[in-house]
Amino acid sequence: MDEYLLKVLLQNDKQPTELVTYASCIDEALDNSVQISSITYVFTITRSSDSKIWEIHEDVIPLRELRKLINEILDCDFRIKFPVKEV
């Protein structure tokens, strides 16, 4: 499990915030951000161990709605794999 630094925009904030999450891969780190309801936008995700940065620049609200719909249809906790661009 790796530590990832999320540069995000929180609900009602105008400036980015940095949060830490733990995940086994970048996809899981992004999915973690989707599951945090106060996050509205993800700018970048940085893996702490080697400082590798992924540029995301996505509004997570539509992703969160899609994730919720899939979970309802499949009646399970579905993990979404997101394509990310490596910097």
Protein backbone atom coordinates (compact mmCIF):
# COMPACT_ATOMS: atom_id res chain seq x y z
CA MET A 1 0.00 0.00 0.00
CA ASP A 2 1.38 3.40 -1.01
CA GLU A 3 0.76 6.91 0.25
CA TYR A 4 -0.69 9.36 -2.29
CA LEU A 5 -1.06 13.12 -2.02
CA LEU A 6 -4.30 14.40 -3.54
CA LYS A 7 -4.44 18.02 -4.70
CA VAL A 8 -8.19 18.67 -4.67
CA LEU A 9 -10.85 21.30 -4.43
CA LEU A 10 -13.19 20.85 -1.49
CA GLN A 11 -16.83 21.85 -1.49
CA ASN A 12 -17.28 25.62 -0.98
CA ASP A 13 -13.51 26.26 -1.18
CA LYS A 14 -11.83 28.49 -3.75
CA GLN A 15 -8.25 27.28 -3.21
CA PRO A 16 -6.89 23.73 -3.65
CA THR A 17 -6.24 21.56 -0.61
CA GLU A 18 -3.83 18.66 -0.24
CA LEU A 19 -5.03 15.43 1.35
CA VAL A 20 -3.31 12.12 1.96
CA THR A 21 -4.82 8.75 1.02
CA TYR A 22 -3.46 5.22 1.02
CA ALA A 23 -3.99 2.88 -1.91
CA SER A 24 -2.43 -0.04 -3.74
CA CYS A 25 -2.44 1.77 -7.12
CA ILE A 26 -3.26 5.12 -8.73
CA ASP A 27 -6.73 3.91 -9.79
CA GLU A 28 -7.59 3.12 -6.20
CA ALA A 29 -6.25 6.49 -5.03
CA LEU A 30 -8.52 8.24 -7.52
CA ASP A 31 -11.47 6.07 -6.49
CA ASN A 32 -10.78 7.05 -2.87
CA SER A 33 -11.11 10.71 -3.87
CA VAL A 34 -14.41 9.98 -5.60
CA GLN A 35 -15.73 8.43 -2.38
CA ILE A 36 -14.91 11.48 -0.25
CA SER A 37 -18.09 13.53 -0.57
CA SER A 38 -16.48 16.88 0.24
CA ILE A 39 -14.10 16.63 -2.77
CA THR A 40 -15.50 18.22 -5.92
CA TYR A 41 -12.45 18.36 -8.20
CA VAL A 42 -9.12 16.52 -8.45
CA PHE A 43 -6.13 18.40 -9.87
CA THR A 44 -3.25 15.98 -9.35
CA ILE A 45 -2.30 12.83 -7.49
CA THR A 46 1.29 12.31 -6.37
CA ARG A 47 2.70 9.00 -5.15
CA SER A 48 4.84 9.87 -2.13
CA SER A 49 7.37 7.05 -2.50
CA ASP A 50 8.80 8.27 -5.82
CA SER A 51 7.06 11.65 -6.35
CA LYS A 52 5.39 10.41 -9.55
CA ILE A 53 2.60 12.85 -10.49
CA TRP A 54 -0.60 12.14 -12.40
CA GLU A 55 -2.54 15.06 -13.89
CA ILE A 56 -6.24 14.36 -13.40
CA HIS A 57 -8.06 17.72 -13.75
CA GLU A 58 -11.54 16.26 -13.41
CA ASP A 59 -14.77 17.17 -11.69
CA VAL A 60 -15.48 14.10 -9.53
CA ILE A 61 -19.20 14.70 -9.06
CA PRO A 62 -20.20 12.94 -12.33
CA LEU A 63 -17.81 10.10 -11.46
CA ARG A 64 -19.38 9.81 -8.01
CA GLU A 65 -22.88 9.68 -9.54
CA LEU A 66 -21.77 7.01 -12.01
CA ARG A 67 -20.17 4.97 -9.23
CA LYS A 68 -23.37 5.19 -7.17
CA LEU A 69 -25.52 4.11 -10.12
CA ILE A 70 -23.27 1.12 -10.89
CA ASN A 71 -23.34 0.07 -7.23
CA GLU A 72 -27.14 0.26 -7.19
CA ILE A 73 -27.52 -1.72 -10.42
CA LEU A 74 -25.00 -4.40 -9.46
CA ASP A 75 -25.94 -4.33 -5.78
CA CYS A 76 -22.28 -4.36 -4.75
CA ASP A 77 -19.33 -2.13 -3.92
CA PHE A 78 -17.94 -1.61 -7.40
CA ARG A 79 -14.40 -0.23 -7.85
CA ILE A 80 -14.04 1.91 -10.96
CA LYS A 81 -10.76 1.91 -12.90
CA PHE A 82 -9.99 5.38 -14.24
CA PRO A 83 -7.52 6.17 -17.00
CA VAL A 84 -4.95 8.69 -15.79
CA LYS A 85 -2.26 10.64 -17.58
CA GLU A 86 1.25 10.29 -16.22
CA VAL A 87 3.41 13.45 -16.06
